[in-house]
């Protein structure tokens, strides 16, 4: 075993493995497995999963690693632990994490540290994204600049028209229906050209963003599978995921309203 192992600790004198270090809605609680109560069919694969590289890379617990490892008889570890009722809710302050013989920390304190680090990493990531976006033009800024420059463009065109048509310039501000219609048509054509330019620029920026960070690209949802009738045997074999276990263990939202009054016998 390595000198530093994550996800292991004690509750009192009993050894535990932390599967989820926090439960949504009950962040003061975690989900643990008492390892000393497990039979060899589950215990040895569980220890191997804890020591695996994916588990040691994870900061949130063992759930993902256990969902990819199997008992000796070929069953998924996480599903077996869940179906057999071996995942136990424990207060985080009662769990003493023991990553090495010379190091220990209460799980509630460890959660505080990890959550603060995660907030800092999110802030660093946002700053990096802002730095990477420098030099790229925002379509909104392009549209704003074009609107600001339009009066100057119109004034220049009016000056050219006045120089070419002195008679028309002698009666400034007076336009016939044909001239007004032509003016509106030109304005509509300019707006259409601006819109096409903005759409092209927007598409280019999107492609650049996806090439810089492919994770931002929209994912195509798979087509839903046709519904099939479930038998009792099929229901018993429904796959268990870390998310489904957390949803099941998390407290149900409280219903609004006053409690119902019960009649008291006289």
C-alpha atoms as a PDB file:
ATOM      1  CA  UNK A   1       0.000   0.000   0.000  1.00  0.00           C
ATOM      2  CA  UNK A   2       1.268   3.529  -0.773  1.00  0.00           C
ATOM      3  CA  UNK A   3       2.347   5.879   2.010  1.00  0.00           C
ATOM      4  CA  UNK A   4      -0.547   8.279   1.298  1.00  0.00           C
ATOM      5  CA  UNK A   5      -4.010   6.875   0.564  1.00  0.00           C
ATOM      6  CA  UNK A   6      -7.159   8.967   0.087  1.00  0.00           C
ATOM      7  CA  UNK A   7     -10.732   8.084   1.096  1.00  0.00           C
ATOM      8  CA  UNK A   8      -9.852   5.987   4.171  1.00  0.00           C
ATOM      9  CA  UNK A   9     -10.477   6.825   7.808  1.00  0.00           C
ATOM     10  CA  UNK A  10     -12.086   5.836  11.077  1.00  0.00           C
ATOM     11  CA  UNK A  11     -15.345   6.361  12.939  1.00  0.00           C
ATOM     12  CA  UNK A  12     -14.293   5.741  16.505  1.00  0.00           C
ATOM     13  CA  UNK A  13     -12.242   2.546  16.298  1.00  0.00           C
ATOM     14  CA  UNK A  14     -13.955   1.218  13.176  1.00  0.00           C
ATOM     15  CA  UNK A  15     -12.275   1.551   9.781  1.00  0.00           C
ATOM     16  CA  UNK A  16     -14.294   3.141   6.977  1.00  0.00           C
ATOM     17  CA  UNK A  17     -13.978   3.997   3.303  1.00  0.00           C
ATOM     18  CA  UNK A  18     -15.624   7.291   2.273  1.00  0.00           C
ATOM     19  CA  UNK A  19     -17.736   6.746  -0.851  1.00  0.00           C
ATOM     20  CA  UNK A  20     -19.283  10.273  -0.913  1.00  0.00           C
ATOM     21  CA  UNK A  21     -17.644  12.944   1.224  1.00  0.00           C
ATOM     22  CA  UNK A  22     -20.814  15.112   1.118  1.00  0.00           C
ATOM     23  CA  UNK A  23     -24.531  14.495   0.542  1.00  0.00           C
ATOM     24  CA  UNK A  24     -26.372  17.269  -1.381  1.00  0.00           C
ATOM     25  CA  UNK A  25     -28.729  19.062   0.983  1.00  0.00           C
ATOM     26  CA  UNK A  26     -26.970  17.484   3.968  1.00  0.00           C
ATOM     27  CA  UNK A  27     -23.395  18.649   3.558  1.00  0.00           C
ATOM     28  CA  UNK A  28     -22.662  17.706   7.180  1.00  0.00           C
ATOM     29  CA  UNK A  29     -23.266  14.046   6.288  1.00  0.00           C
ATOM     30  CA  UNK A  30     -21.233  11.598   4.193  1.00  0.00           C
ATOM     31  CA  UNK A  31     -21.688   8.030   2.925  1.00  0.00           C
ATOM     32  CA  UNK A  32     -19.239   5.445   4.249  1.00  0.00           C
ATOM     33  CA  UNK A  33     -18.605   1.718   4.147  1.00  0.00           C
ATOM     34  CA  UNK A  34     -17.406  -0.087   7.284  1.00  0.00           C
ATOM     35  CA  UNK A  35     -14.679  -2.152   5.630  1.00  0.00           C
ATOM     36  CA  UNK A  36     -14.148  -4.627   8.477  1.00  0.00           C
ATOM     37  CA  UNK A  37     -17.703  -5.961   8.108  1.00  0.00           C
ATOM     38  CA  UNK A  38     -17.260  -6.931   4.444  1.00  0.00           C
ATOM     39  CA  UNK A  39     -16.662 -10.480   3.269  1.00  0.00           C
ATOM     40  CA  UNK A  40     -13.601 -11.259   1.172  1.00  0.00           C
ATOM     41  CA  UNK A  41     -15.681 -11.327  -2.012  1.00  0.00           C
ATOM     42  CA  UNK A  42     -16.227  -7.564  -1.597  1.00  0.00           C
ATOM     43  CA  UNK A  43     -13.427  -6.467   0.747  1.00  0.00           C
ATOM     44  CA  UNK A  44     -10.407  -7.285  -1.416  1.00  0.00           C
ATOM     45  CA  UNK A  45     -11.776  -5.723  -4.644  1.00  0.00           C
ATOM     46  CA  UNK A  46     -12.819  -2.666  -2.610  1.00  0.00           C
ATOM     47  CA  UNK A  47      -9.296  -2.184  -1.255  1.00  0.00           C
ATOM     48  CA  UNK A  48      -7.888  -2.612  -4.763  1.00  0.00           C
ATOM     49  CA  UNK A  49     -10.339   0.024  -6.051  1.00  0.00           C
ATOM     50  CA  UNK A  50      -9.299   2.446  -3.276  1.00  0.00           C
ATOM     51  CA  UNK A  51      -5.635   2.069  -4.199  1.00  0.00           C
ATOM     52  CA  UNK A  52      -6.292   2.459  -7.937  1.00  0.00           C
ATOM     53  CA  UNK A  53      -5.061   5.540  -9.760  1.00  0.00           C
ATOM     54  CA  UNK A  54      -8.576   6.826 -10.726  1.00  0.00           C
ATOM     55  CA  UNK A  55      -9.694   6.690  -7.084  1.00  0.00           C
ATOM     56  CA  UNK A  56      -6.568   8.470  -5.857  1.00  0.00           C
ATOM     57  CA  UNK A  57      -7.053  11.223  -8.445  1.00  0.00           C
ATOM     58  CA  UNK A  58     -10.623  11.885  -7.280  1.00  0.00           C
ATOM     59  CA  UNK A  59     -11.289  14.494  -4.592  1.00  0.00           C
ATOM     60  CA  UNK A  60     -15.011  13.752  -4.179  1.00  0.00           C
ATOM     61  CA  UNK A  61     -14.908  10.143  -2.993  1.00  0.00           C
ATOM     62  CA  UNK A  62     -14.843   6.557  -4.187  1.00  0.00           C
ATOM     63  CA  UNK A  63     -18.190   6.411  -6.001  1.00  0.00           C
ATOM     64  CA  UNK A  64     -16.927   6.704  -9.584  1.00  0.00           C
ATOM     65  CA  UNK A  65     -14.118   4.186  -9.003  1.00  0.00           C
ATOM     66  CA  UNK A  66     -16.465   1.691  -7.336  1.00  0.00           C
ATOM     67  CA  UNK A  67     -18.880   2.023 -10.243  1.00  0.00           C
ATOM     68  CA  UNK A  68     -16.113   0.762 -12.572  1.00  0.00           C
ATOM     69  CA  UNK A  69     -14.773  -2.099 -10.429  1.00  0.00           C
ATOM     70  CA  UNK A  70     -16.248  -5.531  -9.715  1.00  0.00           C
ATOM     71  CA  UNK A  71     -16.582  -8.042  -6.910  1.00  0.00           C
ATOM     72  CA  UNK A  72     -14.993 -11.464  -7.310  1.00  0.00           C
ATOM     73  CA  UNK A  73     -18.242 -12.861  -8.712  1.00  0.00           C
ATOM     74  CA  UNK A  74     -18.424 -10.159 -11.407  1.00  0.00           C
ATOM     75  CA  UNK A  75     -20.899  -7.670  -9.905  1.00  0.00           C
ATOM     76  CA  UNK A  76     -20.361  -3.913  -9.854  1.00  0.00           C
ATOM     77  CA  UNK A  77     -19.045  -2.918  -6.407  1.00  0.00           C
ATOM     78  CA  UNK A  78     -21.119   0.240  -6.043  1.00  0.00           C
ATOM     79  CA  UNK A  79     -24.359  -1.558  -6.898  1.00  0.00           C
ATOM     80  CA  UNK A  80     -23.638  -4.399  -4.464  1.00  0.00           C
ATOM     81  CA  UNK A  81     -22.848  -2.000  -1.617  1.00  0.00           C
ATOM     82  CA  UNK A  82     -26.034  -0.053  -2.347  1.00  0.00           C
ATOM     83  CA  UNK A  83     -28.376  -3.041  -2.706  1.00  0.00           C
ATOM     84  CA  UNK A  84     -26.959  -4.748   0.393  1.00  0.00           C
ATOM     85  CA  UNK A  85     -27.445  -1.590   2.499  1.00  0.00           C
ATOM     86  CA  UNK A  86     -23.742  -1.219   3.251  1.00  0.00           C
ATOM     87  CA  UNK A  87     -23.604   2.531   2.464  1.00  0.00           C
ATOM     88  CA  UNK A  88     -24.113   4.281   5.799  1.00  0.00           C
ATOM     89  CA  UNK A  89     -24.831   7.935   6.533  1.00  0.00           C
ATOM     90  CA  UNK A  90     -22.313   9.343   9.004  1.00  0.00           C
ATOM     91  CA  UNK A  91     -21.734  12.891  10.254  1.00  0.00           C
ATOM     92  CA  UNK A  92     -18.574  14.286   8.668  1.00  0.00           C
ATOM     93  CA  UNK A  93     -17.284  15.564  12.009  1.00  0.00           C
ATOM     94  CA  UNK A  94     -17.280  11.975  13.312  1.00  0.00           C
ATOM     95  CA  UNK A  95     -15.048  10.708  10.492  1.00  0.00           C
ATOM     96  CA  UNK A  96     -11.311  10.992  11.057  1.00  0.00           C
ATOM     97  CA  UNK A  97      -9.522  10.706   7.720  1.00  0.00           C
ATOM     98  CA  UNK A  98      -6.194   8.843   8.005  1.00  0.00           C
ATOM     99  CA  UNK A  99      -4.358   9.155   4.679  1.00  0.00           C
ATOM    100  CA  UNK A 100      -1.114   8.077   6.354  1.00  0.00           C
ATOM    101  CA  UNK A 101      -0.048   6.728   9.778  1.00  0.00           C
ATOM    102  CA  UNK A 102       1.309  10.158  10.723  1.00  0.00           C
ATOM    103  CA  UNK A 103      -1.475  12.348   9.282  1.00  0.00           C
ATOM    104  CA  UNK A 104      -5.154  12.722  10.170  1.00  0.00           C
ATOM    105  CA  UNK A 105      -7.904  15.310   9.693  1.00  0.00           C
ATOM    106  CA  UNK A 106     -11.631  15.473  10.434  1.00  0.00           C
ATOM    107  CA  UNK A 107     -13.701  15.066   7.278  1.00  0.00           C
ATOM    108  CA  UNK A 108     -15.733  18.240   7.927  1.00  0.00           C
ATOM    109  CA  UNK A 109     -12.482  20.262   8.029  1.00  0.00           C
ATOM    110  CA  UNK A 110     -11.170  18.501   4.936  1.00  0.00           C
ATOM    111  CA  UNK A 111     -14.415  19.317   3.092  1.00  0.00           C
ATOM    112  CA  UNK A 112     -14.040  22.999   3.981  1.00  0.00           C
ATOM    113  CA  UNK A 113     -10.497  23.062   2.603  1.00  0.00           C
ATOM    114  CA  UNK A 114     -11.380  21.197  -0.613  1.00  0.00           C
ATOM    115  CA  UNK A 115     -14.443  23.363  -1.256  1.00  0.00           C
ATOM    116  CA  UNK A 116     -12.427  26.566  -0.794  1.00  0.00           C
ATOM    117  CA  UNK A 117      -9.755  25.234  -3.159  1.00  0.00           C
ATOM    118  CA  UNK A 118     -12.450  24.416  -5.712  1.00  0.00           C
ATOM    119  CA  UNK A 119     -13.799  27.973  -5.529  1.00  0.00           C
ATOM    120  CA  UNK A 120     -10.287  29.296  -6.105  1.00  0.00           C
ATOM    121  CA  UNK A 121      -9.785  26.998  -9.097  1.00  0.00           C
ATOM    122  CA  UNK A 122     -13.076  28.185 -10.617  1.00  0.00           C
ATOM    123  CA  UNK A 123     -11.955  31.802 -10.224  1.00  0.00           C
ATOM    124  CA  UNK A 124      -8.576  31.042 -11.832  1.00  0.00           C
ATOM    125  CA  UNK A 125     -10.322  29.292 -14.720  1.00  0.00           C
ATOM    126  CA  UNK A 126     -12.589  32.297 -15.320  1.00  0.00           C
ATOM    127  CA  UNK A 127      -9.576  34.646 -15.366  1.00  0.00           C
ATOM    128  CA  UNK A 128      -7.794  32.382 -17.856  1.00  0.00           C
ATOM    129  CA  UNK A 129     -10.855  32.383 -20.121  1.00  0.00           C
ATOM    130  CA  UNK A 130     -10.942  36.193 -19.953  1.00  0.00           C
ATOM    131  CA  UNK A 131      -7.240  36.390 -20.855  1.00  0.00           C
ATOM    132  CA  UNK A 132      -7.698  33.987 -23.774  1.00  0.00           C
ATOM    133  CA  UNK A 133     -10.607  36.029 -25.123  1.00  0.00           C
ATOM    134  CA  UNK A 134      -8.532  39.210 -25.384  1.00  0.00           C
ATOM    135  CA  UNK A 135      -8.064  40.318 -28.975  1.00  0.00           C
ATOM    136  CA  UNK A 136     -11.298  38.683 -30.148  1.00  0.00           C
ATOM    137  CA  UNK A 137     -14.067  41.056 -31.222  1.00  0.00           C
ATOM    138  CA  UNK A 138     -17.433  40.827 -29.549  1.00  0.00           C
ATOM    139  CA  UNK A 139     -20.276  40.979 -32.129  1.00  0.00           C
ATOM    140  CA  UNK A 140     -22.147  43.403 -29.839  1.00  0.00           C
ATOM    141  CA  UNK A 141     -19.184  45.808 -29.895  1.00  0.00           C
ATOM    142  CA  UNK A 142     -19.035  45.597 -33.690  1.00  0.00           C
ATOM    143  CA  UNK A 143     -22.731  46.452 -33.967  1.00  0.00           C
ATOM    144  CA  UNK A 144     -22.361  49.363 -31.525  1.00  0.00           C
ATOM    145  CA  UNK A 145     -19.446  50.856 -33.445  1.00  0.00           C
ATOM    146  CA  UNK A 146     -21.313  50.528 -36.740  1.00  0.00           C
ATOM    147  CA  UNK A 147     -24.345  52.324 -35.275  1.00  0.00           C
ATOM    148  CA  UNK A 148     -22.123  55.128 -33.958  1.00  0.00           C
ATOM    149  CA  UNK A 149     -20.460  55.570 -37.353  1.00  0.00           C
ATOM    150  CA  UNK A 150     -23.704  55.523 -39.364  1.00  0.00           C
ATOM    151  CA  UNK A 151     -24.593  59.242 -38.850  1.00  0.00           C
ATOM    152  CA  UNK A 152     -21.151  60.226 -40.219  1.00  0.00           C
ATOM    153  CA  UNK A 153     -21.655  57.942 -43.213  1.00  0.00           C
ATOM    154  CA  UNK A 154     -25.121  59.427 -43.890  1.00  0.00           C
ATOM    155  CA  UNK A 155     -23.783  62.992 -43.623  1.00  0.00           C
ATOM    156  CA  UNK A 156     -20.993  62.252 -46.100  1.00  0.00           C
ATOM    157  CA  UNK A 157     -23.477  60.736 -48.551  1.00  0.00           C
ATOM    158  CA  UNK A 158     -25.754  63.791 -48.187  1.00  0.00           C
ATOM    159  CA  UNK A 159     -22.827  66.096 -48.962  1.00  0.00           C
ATOM    160  CA  UNK A 160     -21.991  64.095 -52.090  1.00  0.00           C
ATOM    161  CA  UNK A 161     -25.648  64.163 -53.199  1.00  0.00           C
ATOM    162  CA  UNK A 162     -25.835  67.939 -52.670  1.00  0.00           C
ATOM    163  CA  UNK A 163     -22.718  68.490 -54.765  1.00  0.00           C
ATOM    164  CA  UNK A 164     -24.053  66.327 -57.593  1.00  0.00           C
ATOM    165  CA  UNK A 165     -27.657  67.678 -57.446  1.00  0.00           C
ATOM    166  CA  UNK A 166     -27.642  71.440 -56.693  1.00  0.00           C
ATOM    167  CA  UNK A 167     -31.381  71.794 -57.442  1.00  0.00           C
ATOM    168  CA  UNK A 168     -32.229  69.208 -54.850  1.00  0.00           C
ATOM    169  CA  UNK A 169     -29.963  70.861 -52.317  1.00  0.00           C
ATOM    170  CA  UNK A 170     -31.829  74.201 -52.784  1.00  0.00           C
ATOM    171  CA  UNK A 171     -34.823  72.797 -50.920  1.00  0.00           C
ATOM    172  CA  UNK A 172     -33.263  70.988 -47.984  1.00  0.00           C
ATOM    173  CA  UNK A 173     -35.470  68.745 -45.889  1.00  0.00           C
ATOM    174  CA  UNK A 174     -38.117  68.278 -48.591  1.00  0.00           C
ATOM    175  CA  UNK A 175     -38.423  64.693 -49.958  1.00  0.00           C
ATOM    176  CA  UNK A 176     -41.008  63.058 -52.147  1.00  0.00           C
ATOM    177  CA  UNK A 177     -42.443  59.578 -51.593  1.00  0.00           C
ATOM    178  CA  UNK A 178     -40.099  58.087 -54.169  1.00  0.00           C
ATOM    179  CA  UNK A 179     -37.042  59.560 -52.439  1.00  0.00           C
ATOM    180  CA  UNK A 180     -38.242  58.473 -48.992  1.00  0.00           C
ATOM    181  CA  UNK A 181     -38.879  54.952 -50.291  1.00  0.00           C
ATOM    182  CA  UNK A 182     -35.409  54.832 -51.859  1.00  0.00           C
ATOM    183  CA  UNK A 183     -33.864  56.070 -48.612  1.00  0.00           C
ATOM    184  CA  UNK A 184     -35.639  53.394 -46.567  1.00  0.00           C
ATOM    185  CA  UNK A 185     -34.650  50.702 -49.050  1.00  0.00           C
ATOM    186  CA  UNK A 186     -30.996  51.722 -48.787  1.00  0.00           C
ATOM    187  CA  UNK A 187     -31.239  51.742 -45.001  1.00  0.00           C
ATOM    188  CA  UNK A 188     -32.793  48.247 -45.010  1.00  0.00           C
ATOM    189  CA  UNK A 189     -30.043  46.974 -47.313  1.00  0.00           C
ATOM    190  CA  UNK A 190     -27.363  48.410 -45.015  1.00  0.00           C
ATOM    191  CA  UNK A 191     -28.969  46.789 -41.994  1.00  0.00           C
ATOM    192  CA  UNK A 192     -29.190  43.421 -43.785  1.00  0.00           C
ATOM    193  CA  UNK A 193     -25.499  43.648 -44.728  1.00  0.00           C
ATOM    194  CA  UNK A 194     -24.575  44.502 -41.123  1.00  0.00           C
ATOM    195  CA  UNK A 195     -26.630  41.551 -39.853  1.00  0.00           C
ATOM    196  CA  UNK A 196     -24.907  39.157 -42.263  1.00  0.00           C
ATOM    197  CA  UNK A 197     -21.540  40.471 -41.155  1.00  0.00           C
ATOM    198  CA  UNK A 198     -22.422  40.042 -37.487  1.00  0.00           C
ATOM    199  CA  UNK A 199     -23.682  36.489 -38.040  1.00  0.00           C
ATOM    200  CA  UNK A 200     -20.490  35.578 -39.890  1.00  0.00           C
ATOM    201  CA  UNK A 201     -18.337  37.109 -37.137  1.00  0.00           C
ATOM    202  CA  UNK A 202     -20.399  35.342 -34.459  1.00  0.00           C
ATOM    203  CA  UNK A 203     -19.982  31.987 -36.221  1.00  0.00           C
ATOM    204  CA  UNK A 204     -16.231  32.544 -36.528  1.00  0.00           C
ATOM    205  CA  UNK A 205     -15.886  33.380 -32.841  1.00  0.00           C
ATOM    206  CA  UNK A 206     -17.879  30.281 -31.873  1.00  0.00           C
ATOM    207  CA  UNK A 207     -15.639  28.011 -33.962  1.00  0.00           C
ATOM    208  CA  UNK A 208     -12.514  29.603 -32.480  1.00  0.00           C
ATOM    209  CA  UNK A 209     -13.903  29.091 -28.964  1.00  0.00           C
ATOM    210  CA  UNK A 210     -14.718  25.413 -29.666  1.00  0.00           C
ATOM    211  CA  UNK A 211     -11.240  24.815 -31.135  1.00  0.00           C
ATOM    212  CA  UNK A 212      -9.629  26.397 -28.034  1.00  0.00           C
ATOM    213  CA  UNK A 213     -11.823  24.419 -25.634  1.00  0.00           C
ATOM    214  CA  UNK A 214     -13.715  21.471 -27.234  1.00  0.00           C
ATOM    215  CA  UNK A 215     -15.600  20.918 -23.959  1.00  0.00           C
ATOM    216  CA  UNK A 216     -17.672  24.053 -24.738  1.00  0.00           C
ATOM    217  CA  UNK A 217     -19.061  22.542 -27.945  1.00  0.00           C
ATOM    218  CA  UNK A 218     -22.765  21.577 -27.666  1.00  0.00           C
ATOM    219  CA  UNK A 219     -23.322  17.866 -27.237  1.00  0.00           C
ATOM    220  CA  UNK A 220     -25.879  16.109 -29.425  1.00  0.00           C
ATOM    221  CA  UNK A 221     -28.344  14.208 -27.275  1.00  0.00           C
ATOM    222  CA  UNK A 222     -28.733  10.546 -28.282  1.00  0.00           C
ATOM    223  CA  UNK A 223     -32.083   9.482 -29.688  1.00  0.00           C
ATOM    224  CA  UNK A 224     -34.347   8.078 -26.962  1.00  0.00           C
ATOM    225  CA  UNK A 225     -34.600   4.296 -26.985  1.00  0.00           C
ATOM    226  CA  UNK A 226     -38.061   2.828 -27.551  1.00  0.00           C
ATOM    227  CA  UNK A 227     -39.910   2.111 -24.347  1.00  0.00           C
ATOM    228  CA  UNK A 228     -40.044  -1.534 -23.396  1.00  0.00           C
ATOM    229  CA  UNK A 229     -42.185  -3.370 -20.896  1.00  0.00           C
ATOM    230  CA  UNK A 230     -40.348  -3.940 -17.630  1.00  0.00           C
ATOM    231  CA  UNK A 231     -40.554  -7.279 -15.906  1.00  0.00           C
ATOM    232  CA  UNK A 232     -39.819  -7.855 -12.271  1.00  0.00           C
ATOM    233  CA  UNK A 233     -36.442  -9.313 -13.161  1.00  0.00           C
ATOM    234  CA  UNK A 234     -35.596  -6.252 -15.261  1.00  0.00           C
ATOM    235  CA  UNK A 235     -36.485  -3.902 -12.410  1.00  0.00           C
ATOM    236  CA  UNK A 236     -34.126  -5.759 -10.099  1.00  0.00           C
ATOM    237  CA  UNK A 237     -31.241  -5.222 -12.549  1.00  0.00           C
ATOM    238  CA  UNK A 238     -31.630  -1.458 -13.046  1.00  0.00           C
ATOM    239  CA  UNK A 239     -28.137   0.109 -13.058  1.00  0.00           C
ATOM    240  CA  UNK A 240     -27.138   2.149 -10.051  1.00  0.00           C
ATOM    241  CA  UNK A 241     -25.070   5.284 -10.627  1.00  0.00           C
ATOM    242  CA  UNK A 242     -23.382   7.629  -8.144  1.00  0.00           C
ATOM    243  CA  UNK A 243     -25.940  10.302  -9.061  1.00  0.00           C
ATOM    244  CA  UNK A 244     -28.910   8.017  -8.405  1.00  0.00           C
ATOM    245  CA  UNK A 245     -27.521   7.009  -5.001  1.00  0.00           C
ATOM    246  CA  UNK A 246     -26.989  10.642  -3.998  1.00  0.00           C
ATOM    247  CA  UNK A 247     -30.507  11.505  -5.151  1.00  0.00           C
ATOM    248  CA  UNK A 248     -31.913   8.632  -3.087  1.00  0.00           C
ATOM    249  CA  UNK A 249     -29.893   9.534   0.003  1.00  0.00           C
ATOM    250  CA  UNK A 250     -30.498  13.294  -0.202  1.00  0.00           C
ATOM    251  CA  UNK A 251     -33.361  14.666   1.917  1.00  0.00           C
ATOM    252  CA  UNK A 252     -36.665  15.288   0.157  1.00  0.00           C
ATOM    253  CA  UNK A 253     -37.698  18.966  -0.099  1.00  0.00           C
ATOM    254  CA  UNK A 254     -40.134  20.056   2.604  1.00  0.00           C
ATOM    255  CA  UNK A 255     -43.689  20.831   1.470  1.00  0.00           C
ATOM    256  CA  UNK A 256     -44.964  24.332   2.095  1.00  0.00           C
ATOM    257  CA  UNK A 257     -48.052  24.940   4.211  1.00  0.00           C
ATOM    258  CA  UNK A 258     -49.270  24.482   7.754  1.00  0.00           C
ATOM    259  CA  UNK A 259     -49.385  20.997   9.309  1.00  0.00           C
ATOM    260  CA  UNK A 260     -52.760  19.262   9.326  1.00  0.00           C
ATOM    261  CA  UNK A 261     -54.583  19.418  12.676  1.00  0.00           C
ATOM    262  CA  UNK A 262     -55.600  16.098  14.191  1.00  0.00           C
ATOM    263  CA  UNK A 263     -58.838  15.664  16.116  1.00  0.00           C
ATOM    264  CA  UNK A 264     -58.493  15.106  19.860  1.00  0.00           C
ATOM    265  CA  UNK A 265     -61.039  12.756  21.452  1.00  0.00           C
ATOM    266  CA  UNK A 266     -62.976  14.355  24.306  1.00  0.00           C
END
